[in-house]
Amino acid sequence: MKEGIITIKLEGVTLEQTERCRQMIHKMFEAGVFNVRNGKAILNFDSDSNMADIEISMKTWSRKHENQSQQELIGLNQFIVEMAQNQSTIAKHI
């Protein structure tokens, strides 16, 4: 599998705001948000705008997706989320 890199450039934000975004992206990877198929992910935030929890709901069976291939079901199992020196957030699938 090839390496994929996602770079998000955030202009006009503080280091703390950038770190907050990096942490949220990291939590979404850990929770499997990017692996959801036939379902939904709900991000809940507390009164301080911090991510409080993530709710994931997926259908366990659907006639429409009965013949879905295994390749389509492969998720992002390995990843790295880091902050570069230019304050961009980088998520890598390894």
PDB file of N, CA and C in Angstrom:
ATOM      1  N   MET A   1       0.832  -1.167   0.000  1.00  0.00           N
ATOM      2  CA  MET A   1       0.000   0.000   0.000  1.00  0.00           C
ATOM      3  C   MET A   1       0.884   1.239   0.000  1.00  0.00           C
ATOM      4  N   LYS A   2       0.505   2.255  -0.741  1.00  0.00           N
ATOM      5  CA  LYS A   2       1.280   3.487  -0.835  1.00  0.00           C
ATOM      6  C   LYS A   2       1.018   4.373   0.379  1.00  0.00           C
ATOM      7  N   GLU A   3       1.989   5.229   0.666  1.00  0.00           N
ATOM      8  CA  GLU A   3       1.852   6.172   1.772  1.00  0.00           C
ATOM      9  C   GLU A   3       0.971   7.334   1.336  1.00  0.00           C
ATOM     10  N   GLY A   4       0.059   7.743   2.182  1.00  0.00           N
ATOM     11  CA  GLY A   4      -0.786   8.892   1.913  1.00  0.00           C
ATOM     12  C   GLY A   4      -0.492   9.983   2.925  1.00  0.00           C
ATOM     13  N   ILE A   5      -0.488  11.219   2.469  1.00  0.00           N
ATOM     14  CA  ILE A   5      -0.214  12.352   3.355  1.00  0.00           C
ATOM     15  C   ILE A   5      -1.319  13.382   3.176  1.00  0.00           C
ATOM     16  N   ILE A   6      -1.850  13.859   4.292  1.00  0.00           N
ATOM     17  CA  ILE A   6      -2.834  14.937   4.286  1.00  0.00           C
ATOM     18  C   ILE A   6      -2.202  16.112   5.000  1.00  0.00           C
ATOM     19  N   THR A   7      -2.171  17.276   4.362  1.00  0.00           N
ATOM     20  CA  THR A   7      -1.614  18.472   4.969  1.00  0.00           C
ATOM     21  C   THR A   7      -2.704  19.532   5.036  1.00  0.00           C
ATOM     22  N   ILE A   8      -2.880  20.115   6.199  1.00  0.00           N
ATOM     23  CA  ILE A   8      -3.866  21.180   6.383  1.00  0.00           C
ATOM     24  C   ILE A   8      -3.114  22.414   6.834  1.00  0.00           C
ATOM     25  N   LYS A   9      -3.180  23.466   6.032  1.00  0.00           N
ATOM     26  CA  LYS A   9      -2.508  24.713   6.386  1.00  0.00           C
ATOM     27  C   LYS A   9      -3.525  25.627   7.047  1.00  0.00           C
ATOM     28  N   LEU A  10      -3.224  26.046   8.269  1.00  0.00           N
ATOM     29  CA  LEU A  10      -4.101  26.917   9.033  1.00  0.00           C
ATOM     30  C   LEU A  10      -3.430  28.276   9.160  1.00  0.00           C
ATOM     31  N   GLU A  11      -4.029  29.284   8.562  1.00  0.00           N
ATOM     32  CA  GLU A  11      -3.444  30.622   8.605  1.00  0.00           C
ATOM     33  C   GLU A  11      -4.164  31.472   9.640  1.00  0.00           C
ATOM     34  N   GLY A  12      -3.428  32.328  10.305  1.00  0.00           N
ATOM     35  CA  GLY A  12      -4.010  33.262  11.258  1.00  0.00           C
ATOM     36  C   GLY A  12      -4.507  32.613  12.535  1.00  0.00           C
ATOM     37  N   VAL A  13      -3.923  31.475  12.917  1.00  0.00           N
ATOM     38  CA  VAL A  13      -4.317  30.815  14.156  1.00  0.00           C
ATOM     39  C   VAL A  13      -3.105  30.690  15.065  1.00  0.00           C
ATOM     40  N   THR A  14      -3.375  30.540  16.333  1.00  0.00           N
ATOM     41  CA  THR A  14      -2.291  30.395  17.302  1.00  0.00           C
ATOM     42  C   THR A  14      -1.797  28.953  17.327  1.00  0.00           C
ATOM     43  N   LEU A  15      -0.679  28.756  17.976  1.00  0.00           N
ATOM     44  CA  LEU A  15      -0.133  27.419  18.156  1.00  0.00           C
ATOM     45  C   LEU A  15      -1.115  26.552  18.953  1.00  0.00           C
ATOM     46  N   GLU A  16      -1.776  27.152  19.952  1.00  0.00           N
ATOM     47  CA  GLU A  16      -2.748  26.419  20.767  1.00  0.00           C
ATOM     48  C   GLU A  16      -3.954  25.974  19.929  1.00  0.00           C
ATOM     49  N   GLN A  17      -4.445  26.836  19.032  1.00  0.00           N
ATOM     50  CA  GLN A  17      -5.575  26.480  18.169  1.00  0.00           C
ATOM     51  C   GLN A  17      -5.181  25.355  17.209  1.00  0.00           C
ATOM     52  N   THR A  18      -3.965  25.419  16.697  1.00  0.00           N
ATOM     53  CA  THR A  18      -3.473  24.376  15.798  1.00  0.00           C
ATOM     54  C   THR A  18      -3.359  23.048  16.538  1.00  0.00           C
ATOM     55  N   GLU A  19      -2.839  23.089  17.758  1.00  0.00           N
ATOM     56  CA  GLU A  19      -2.709  21.869  18.558  1.00  0.00           C
ATOM     57  C   GLU A  19      -4.085  21.286  18.874  1.00  0.00           C
ATOM     58  N   ARG A  20      -5.074  22.123  19.126  1.00  0.00           N
ATOM     59  CA  ARG A  20      -6.441  21.661  19.398  1.00  0.00           C
ATOM     60  C   ARG A  20      -6.976  20.895  18.186  1.00  0.00           C
ATOM     61  N   CYS A  21      -6.764  21.429  16.995  1.00  0.00           N
ATOM     62  CA  CYS A  21      -7.205  20.752  15.772  1.00  0.00           C
ATOM     63  C   CYS A  21      -6.473  19.430  15.585  1.00  0.00           C
ATOM     64  N   ARG A  22      -5.168  19.415  15.838  1.00  0.00           N
ATOM     65  CA  ARG A  22      -4.391  18.192  15.702  1.00  0.00           C
ATOM     66  C   ARG A  22      -4.909  17.114  16.644  1.00  0.00           C
ATOM     67  N   GLN A  23      -5.215  17.510  17.882  1.00  0.00           N
ATOM     68  CA  GLN A  23      -5.727  16.555  18.859  1.00  0.00           C
ATOM     69  C   GLN A  23      -7.081  15.986  18.427  1.00  0.00           C
ATOM     70  N   MET A  24      -7.954  16.831  17.869  1.00  0.00           N
ATOM     71  CA  MET A  24      -9.263  16.354  17.418  1.00  0.00           C
ATOM     72  C   MET A  24      -9.116  15.365  16.264  1.00  0.00           C
ATOM     73  N   ILE A  25      -8.238  15.673  15.318  1.00  0.00           N
ATOM     74  CA  ILE A  25      -8.007  14.759  14.196  1.00  0.00           C
ATOM     75  C   ILE A  25      -7.448  13.436  14.708  1.00  0.00           C
ATOM     76  N   HIS A  26      -6.523  13.503  15.653  1.00  0.00           N
ATOM     77  CA  HIS A  26      -5.942  12.291  16.235  1.00  0.00           C
ATOM     78  C   HIS A  26      -7.025  11.441  16.903  1.00  0.00           C
ATOM     79  N   LYS A  27      -7.897  12.089  17.686  1.00  0.00           N
ATOM     80  CA  LYS A  27      -8.988  11.367  18.350  1.00  0.00           C
ATOM     81  C   LYS A  27      -9.923  10.720  17.333  1.00  0.00           C
ATOM     82  N   MET A  28     -10.192  11.416  16.225  1.00  0.00           N
ATOM     83  CA  MET A  28     -11.073  10.848  15.196  1.00  0.00           C
ATOM     84  C   MET A  28     -10.436   9.612  14.559  1.00  0.00           C
ATOM     85  N   PHE A  29      -9.126   9.639  14.316  1.00  0.00           N
ATOM     86  CA  PHE A  29      -8.435   8.457  13.798  1.00  0.00           C
ATOM     87  C   PHE A  29      -8.526   7.317  14.807  1.00  0.00           C
ATOM     88  N   GLU A  30      -8.229   7.605  16.081  1.00  0.00           N
ATOM     89  CA  GLU A  30      -8.262   6.573  17.112  1.00  0.00           C
ATOM     90  C   GLU A  30      -9.644   5.937  17.251  1.00  0.00           C
ATOM     91  N   ALA A  31     -10.685   6.751  17.124  1.00  0.00           N
ATOM     92  CA  ALA A  31     -12.056   6.257  17.289  1.00  0.00           C
ATOM     93  C   ALA A  31     -12.572   5.539  16.045  1.00  0.00           C
ATOM     94  N   GLY A  32     -11.835   5.603  14.943  1.00  0.00           N
ATOM     95  CA  GLY A  32     -12.252   4.924  13.725  1.00  0.00           C
ATOM     96  C   GLY A  32     -13.251   5.705  12.887  1.00  0.00           C
ATOM     97  N   VAL A  33     -13.336   7.008  13.093  1.00  0.00           N
ATOM     98  CA  VAL A  33     -14.291   7.837  12.344  1.00  0.00           C
ATOM     99  C   VAL A  33     -14.085   7.704  10.841  1.00  0.00           C
ATOM    100  N   PHE A  34     -12.850   7.598  10.402  1.00  0.00           N
ATOM    101  CA  PHE A  34     -12.568   7.551   8.971  1.00  0.00           C
ATOM    102  C   PHE A  34     -12.758   6.158   8.379  1.00  0.00           C
ATOM    103  N   ASN A  35     -13.120   5.197   9.211  1.00  0.00           N
ATOM    104  CA  ASN A  35     -13.404   3.836   8.754  1.00  0.00           C
ATOM    105  C   ASN A  35     -14.903   3.540   8.705  1.00  0.00           C
ATOM    106  N   VAL A  36     -15.737   4.512   9.050  1.00  0.00           N
ATOM    107  CA  VAL A  36     -17.188   4.287   9.092  1.00  0.00           C
ATOM    108  C   VAL A  36     -17.720   4.042   7.692  1.00  0.00           C
ATOM    109  N   ARG A  37     -18.464   2.960   7.553  1.00  0.00           N
ATOM    110  CA  ARG A  37     -19.153   2.628   6.297  1.00  0.00           C
ATOM    111  C   ARG A  37     -20.595   2.321   6.663  1.00  0.00           C
ATOM    112  N   ASN A  38     -21.534   2.756   5.845  1.00  0.00           N
ATOM    113  CA  ASN A  38     -22.959   2.499   6.095  1.00  0.00           C
ATOM    114  C   ASN A  38     -23.375   2.974   7.475  1.00  0.00           C
ATOM    115  N   GLY A  39     -22.905   4.138   7.867  1.00  0.00           N
ATOM    116  CA  GLY A  39     -23.238   4.639   9.188  1.00  0.00           C
ATOM    117  C   GLY A  39     -22.918   6.105   9.325  1.00  0.00           C
ATOM    118  N   LYS A  40     -22.758   6.522  10.564  1.00  0.00           N
ATOM    119  CA  LYS A  40     -22.479   7.933  10.828  1.00  0.00           C
ATOM    120  C   LYS A  40     -21.619   8.068  12.074  1.00  0.00           C
ATOM    121  N   ALA A  41     -20.923   9.191  12.168  1.00  0.00           N
ATOM    122  CA  ALA A  41     -20.143   9.545  13.347  1.00  0.00           C
ATOM    123  C   ALA A  41     -20.616  10.915  13.805  1.00  0.00           C
ATOM    124  N   ILE A  42     -20.913  11.019  15.085  1.00  0.00           N
ATOM    125  CA  ILE A  42     -21.371  12.282  15.657  1.00  0.00           C
ATOM    126  C   ILE A  42     -20.316  12.751  16.645  1.00  0.00           C
ATOM    127  N   LEU A  43     -19.804  13.964  16.425  1.00  0.00           N
ATOM    128  CA  LEU A  43     -18.817  14.554  17.320  1.00  0.00           C
ATOM    129  C   LEU A  43     -19.551  15.464  18.299  1.00  0.00           C
ATOM    130  N   ASN A  44     -19.377  15.244  19.597  1.00  0.00           N
ATOM    131  CA  ASN A  44     -20.018  16.054  20.623  1.00  0.00           C
ATOM    132  C   ASN A  44     -18.967  16.905  21.322  1.00  0.00           C
ATOM    133  N   PHE A  45     -19.302  18.172  21.552  1.00  0.00           N
ATOM    134  CA  PHE A  45     -18.381  19.120  22.168  1.00  0.00           C
ATOM    135  C   PHE A  45     -18.940  19.611  23.494  1.00  0.00           C
ATOM    136  N   ASP A  46     -18.042  19.920  24.444  1.00  0.00           N
ATOM    137  CA  ASP A  46     -18.477  20.447  25.741  1.00  0.00           C
ATOM    138  C   ASP A  46     -18.643  21.964  25.659  1.00  0.00           C
ATOM    139  N   SER A  47     -18.946  22.588  26.784  1.00  0.00           N
ATOM    140  CA  SER A  47     -19.206  24.035  26.815  1.00  0.00           C
ATOM    141  C   SER A  47     -17.971  24.874  26.508  1.00  0.00           C
ATOM    142  N   ASP A  48     -16.778  24.264  26.577  1.00  0.00           N
ATOM    143  CA  ASP A  48     -15.533  24.966  26.250  1.00  0.00           C
ATOM    144  C   ASP A  48     -15.075  24.704  24.822  1.00  0.00           C
ATOM    145  N   SER A  49     -15.950  24.119  24.006  1.00  0.00           N
ATOM    146  CA  SER A  49     -15.665  23.786  22.599  1.00  0.00           C
ATOM    147  C   SER A  49     -14.610  22.699  22.447  1.00  0.00           C
ATOM    148  N   ASN A  50     -14.403  21.895  23.469  1.00  0.00           N
ATOM    149  CA  ASN A  50     -13.501  20.747  23.381  1.00  0.00           C
ATOM    150  C   ASN A  50     -14.319  19.521  23.009  1.00  0.00           C
ATOM    151  N   MET A  51     -13.723  18.639  22.213  1.00  0.00           N
ATOM    152  CA  MET A  51     -14.428  17.430  21.828  1.00  0.00           C
ATOM    153  C   MET A  51     -14.647  16.579  23.076  1.00  0.00           C
ATOM    154  N   ALA A  52     -15.919  16.303  23.378  1.00  0.00           N
ATOM    155  CA  ALA A  52     -16.260  15.552  24.585  1.00  0.00           C
ATOM    156  C   ALA A  52     -16.327  14.060  24.307  1.00  0.00           C
ATOM    157  N   ASP A  53     -16.972  13.673  23.206  1.00  0.00           N
ATOM    158  CA  ASP A  53     -17.032  12.266  22.845  1.00  0.00           C
ATOM    159  C   ASP A  53     -17.451  12.112  21.385  1.00  0.00           C
ATOM    160  N   ILE A  54     -17.322  10.883  20.909  1.00  0.00           N
ATOM    161  CA  ILE A  54     -17.657  10.549  19.528  1.00  0.00           C
ATOM    162  C   ILE A  54     -18.621   9.375  19.561  1.00  0.00           C
ATOM    163  N   GLU A  55     -19.750   9.520  18.884  1.00  0.00           N
ATOM    164  CA  GLU A  55     -20.729   8.438  18.770  1.00  0.00           C
ATOM    165  C   GLU A  55     -20.644   7.883  17.353  1.00  0.00           C
ATOM    166  N   ILE A  56     -20.464   6.569  17.233  1.00  0.00           N
ATOM    167  CA  ILE A  56     -20.418   5.935  15.912  1.00  0.00           C
ATOM    168  C   ILE A  56     -21.552   4.933  15.836  1.00  0.00           C
ATOM    169  N   SER A  57     -22.307   5.023  14.749  1.00  0.00           N
ATOM    170  CA  SER A  57     -23.430   4.127  14.514  1.00  0.00           C
ATOM    171  C   SER A  57     -23.305   3.582  13.099  1.00  0.00           C
ATOM    172  N   MET A  58     -23.310   2.234  12.963  1.00  0.00           N
ATOM    173  CA  MET A  58     -23.202   1.629  11.644  1.00  0.00           C
ATOM    174  C   MET A  58     -24.282   0.571  11.482  1.00  0.00           C
ATOM    175  N   LYS A  59     -24.777   0.451  10.259  1.00  0.00           N
ATOM    176  CA  LYS A  59     -25.714  -0.617   9.954  1.00  0.00           C
ATOM    177  C   LYS A  59     -24.952  -1.928   9.919  1.00  0.00           C
ATOM    178  N   THR A  60     -25.519  -2.952  10.505  1.00  0.00           N
ATOM    179  CA  THR A  60     -24.838  -4.243  10.499  1.00  0.00           C
ATOM    180  C   THR A  60     -25.178  -5.055   9.265  1.00  0.00           C
ATOM    181  N   TRP A  61     -26.281  -4.725   8.610  1.00  0.00           N
ATOM    182  CA  TRP A  61     -26.647  -5.442   7.389  1.00  0.00           C
ATOM    183  C   TRP A  61     -27.522  -4.548   6.539  1.00  0.00           C
ATOM    184  N   SER A  62     -27.305  -4.608   5.245  1.00  0.00           N
ATOM    185  CA  SER A  62     -28.136  -3.879   4.295  1.00  0.00           C
ATOM    186  C   SER A  62     -28.087  -4.630   2.975  1.00  0.00           C
ATOM    187  N   ARG A  63     -29.237  -4.905   2.392  1.00  0.00           N
ATOM    188  CA  ARG A  63     -29.288  -5.607   1.107  1.00  0.00           C
ATOM    189  C   ARG A  63     -28.473  -4.847   0.052  1.00  0.00           C
ATOM    190  N   LYS A  64     -28.528  -3.536   0.100  1.00  0.00           N
ATOM    191  CA  LYS A  64     -27.814  -2.698  -0.865  1.00  0.00           C
ATOM    192  C   LYS A  64     -26.309  -2.975  -0.838  1.00  0.00           C
ATOM    193  N   HIS A  65     -25.753  -3.273   0.322  1.00  0.00           N
ATOM    194  CA  HIS A  65     -24.306  -3.457   0.470  1.00  0.00           C
ATOM    195  C   HIS A  65     -23.918  -4.918   0.721  1.00  0.00           C
ATOM    196  N   GLU A  66     -24.792  -5.831   0.413  1.00  0.00           N
ATOM    197  CA  GLU A  66     -24.558  -7.246   0.673  1.00  0.00           C
ATOM    198  C   GLU A  66     -23.328  -7.778  -0.058  1.00  0.00           C
ATOM    199  N   ASN A  67     -23.066  -7.286  -1.258  1.00  0.00           N
ATOM    200  CA  ASN A  67     -21.958  -7.788  -2.071  1.00  0.00           C
ATOM    201  C   ASN A  67     -20.740  -6.863  -2.055  1.00  0.00           C
ATOM    202  N   GLN A  68     -20.638  -6.022  -1.053  1.00  0.00           N
ATOM    203  CA  GLN A  68     -19.513  -5.092  -0.960  1.00  0.00           C
ATOM    204  C   GLN A  68     -18.212  -5.883  -0.804  1.00  0.00           C
ATOM    205  N   SER A  69     -17.184  -5.508  -1.576  1.00  0.00           N
ATOM    206  CA  SER A  69     -15.920  -6.242  -1.557  1.00  0.00           C
ATOM    207  C   SER A  69     -15.110  -5.949  -0.300  1.00  0.00           C
ATOM    208  N   GLN A  70     -14.235  -6.865   0.060  1.00  0.00           N
ATOM    209  CA  GLN A  70     -13.362  -6.691   1.217  1.00  0.00           C
ATOM    210  C   GLN A  70     -12.446  -5.491   1.037  1.00  0.00           C
ATOM    211  N   GLN A  71     -12.016  -5.224  -0.211  1.00  0.00           N
ATOM    212  CA  GLN A  71     -11.128  -4.080  -0.470  1.00  0.00           C
ATOM    213  C   GLN A  71     -11.797  -2.780  -0.024  1.00  0.00           C
ATOM    214  N   GLU A  72     -13.103  -2.664  -0.230  1.00  0.00           N
ATOM    215  CA  GLU A  72     -13.815  -1.456   0.168  1.00  0.00           C
ATOM    216  C   GLU A  72     -13.909  -1.327   1.680  1.00  0.00           C
ATOM    217  N   LEU A  73     -13.753  -2.425   2.410  1.00  0.00           N
ATOM    218  CA  LEU A  73     -13.896  -2.411   3.852  1.00  0.00           C
ATOM    219  C   LEU A  73     -12.587  -2.185   4.597  1.00  0.00           C
ATOM    220  N   ILE A  74     -11.452  -2.157   3.879  1.00  0.00           N
ATOM    221  CA  ILE A  74     -10.155  -1.952   4.514  1.00  0.00           C
ATOM    222  C   ILE A  74     -10.082  -0.518   5.020  1.00  0.00           C
ATOM    223  N   GLY A  75      -9.755  -0.357   6.295  1.00  0.00           N
ATOM    224  CA  GLY A  75      -9.719   0.968   6.902  1.00  0.00           C
ATOM    225  C   GLY A  75      -8.315   1.483   7.099  1.00  0.00           C
ATOM    226  N   LEU A  76      -8.244   2.636   7.723  1.00  0.00           N
ATOM    227  CA  LEU A  76      -6.960   3.233   8.054  1.00  0.00           C
ATOM    228  C   LEU A  76      -6.542   2.698   9.417  1.00  0.00           C
ATOM    229  N   ASN A  77      -5.812   1.592   9.425  1.00  0.00           N
ATOM    230  CA  ASN A  77      -5.447   0.942  10.671  1.00  0.00           C
ATOM    231  C   ASN A  77      -4.178   1.500  11.289  1.00  0.00           C
ATOM    232  N   GLN A  78      -3.294   2.050  10.483  1.00  0.00           N
ATOM    233  CA  GLN A  78      -2.059   2.614  10.996  1.00  0.00           C
ATOM    234  C   GLN A  78      -1.991   4.063  10.548  1.00  0.00           C
ATOM    235  N   PHE A  79      -1.640   4.947  11.471  1.00  0.00           N
ATOM    236  CA  PHE A  79      -1.582   6.353  11.121  1.00  0.00           C
ATOM    237  C   PHE A  79      -0.646   7.086  12.069  1.00  0.00           C
ATOM    238  N   ILE A  80      -0.222   8.258  11.632  1.00  0.00           N
ATOM    239  CA  ILE A  80       0.576   9.162  12.449  1.00  0.00           C
ATOM    240  C   ILE A  80      -0.072  10.531  12.319  1.00  0.00           C
ATOM    241  N   VAL A  81      -0.290  11.202  13.430  1.00  0.00           N
ATOM    242  CA  VAL A  81      -0.764  12.583  13.390  1.00  0.00           C
ATOM    243  C   VAL A  81       0.302  13.411  14.103  1.00  0.00           C
ATOM    244  N   GLU A  82       0.864  14.390  13.399  1.00  0.00           N
ATOM    245  CA  GLU A  82       1.942  15.186  13.981  1.00  0.00           C
ATOM    246  C   GLU A  82       1.802  16.627  13.566  1.00  0.00           C
ATOM    247  N   MET A  83       2.538  17.498  14.227  1.00  0.00           N
ATOM    248  CA  MET A  83       2.511  18.898  13.872  1.00  0.00           C
ATOM    249  C   MET A  83       3.858  19.270  13.271  1.00  0.00           C
ATOM    250  N   ALA A  84       3.839  19.839  12.067  1.00  0.00           N
ATOM    251  CA  ALA A  84       5.072  20.236  11.395  1.00  0.00           C
ATOM    252  C   ALA A  84       5.530  21.594  11.923  1.00  0.00           C
ATOM    253  N   GLN A  85       6.742  21.972  11.599  1.00  0.00           N
ATOM    254  CA  GLN A  85       7.285  23.240  12.074  1.00  0.00           C
ATOM    255  C   GLN A  85       6.538  24.439  11.531  1.00  0.00           C
ATOM    256  N   ASN A  86       5.905  24.295  10.358  1.00  0.00           N
ATOM    257  CA  ASN A  86       5.171  25.425   9.788  1.00  0.00           C
ATOM    258  C   ASN A  86       3.754  25.516  10.351  1.00  0.00           C
ATOM    259  N   GLN A  87       3.476  24.780  11.431  1.00  0.00           N
ATOM    260  CA  GLN A  87       2.218  24.757  12.147  1.00  0.00           C
ATOM    261  C   GLN A  87       1.083  24.144  11.335  1.00  0.00           C
ATOM    262  N   SER A  88       1.406  23.378  10.315  1.00  0.00           N
ATOM    263  CA  SER A  88       0.395  22.626   9.598  1.00  0.00           C
ATOM    264  C   SER A  88       0.146  21.326  10.343  1.00  0.00           C
ATOM    265  N   THR A  89      -1.063  20.805  10.247  1.00  0.00           N
ATOM    266  CA  THR A  89      -1.378  19.519  10.846  1.00  0.00           C
ATOM    267  C   THR A  89      -1.206  18.469   9.776  1.00  0.00           C
ATOM    268  N   ILE A  90      -0.490  17.399  10.094  1.00  0.00           N
ATOM    269  CA  ILE A  90      -0.210  16.357   9.120  1.00  0.00           C
ATOM    270  C   ILE A  90      -0.711  15.022   9.654  1.00  0.00           C
ATOM    271  N   ALA A  91      -1.535  14.332   8.871  1.00  0.00           N
ATOM    272  CA  ALA A  91      -1.969  12.984   9.224  1.00  0.00           C
ATOM    273  C   ALA A  91      -1.425  12.052   8.160  1.00  0.00           C
ATOM    274  N   LYS A  92      -0.679  11.048   8.555  1.00  0.00           N
ATOM    275  CA  LYS A  92      -0.083  10.110   7.608  1.00  0.00           C
ATOM    276  C   LYS A  92      -0.654   8.721   7.832  1.00  0.00           C
ATOM    277  N   HIS A  93      -1.024   8.055   6.768  1.00  0.00           N
ATOM    278  CA  HIS A  93      -1.407   6.651   6.829  1.00  0.00           C
ATOM    279  C   HIS A  93      -0.173   5.850   6.474  1.00  0.00           C
ATOM    280  N   ILE A  94       0.287   5.006   7.402  1.00  0.00           N
ATOM    281  CA  ILE A  94       1.506   4.251   7.140  1.00  0.00           C
ATOM    282  C   ILE A  94       1.212   2.788   6.976  1.00  0.00           C
TER     283      ILE A  94
END
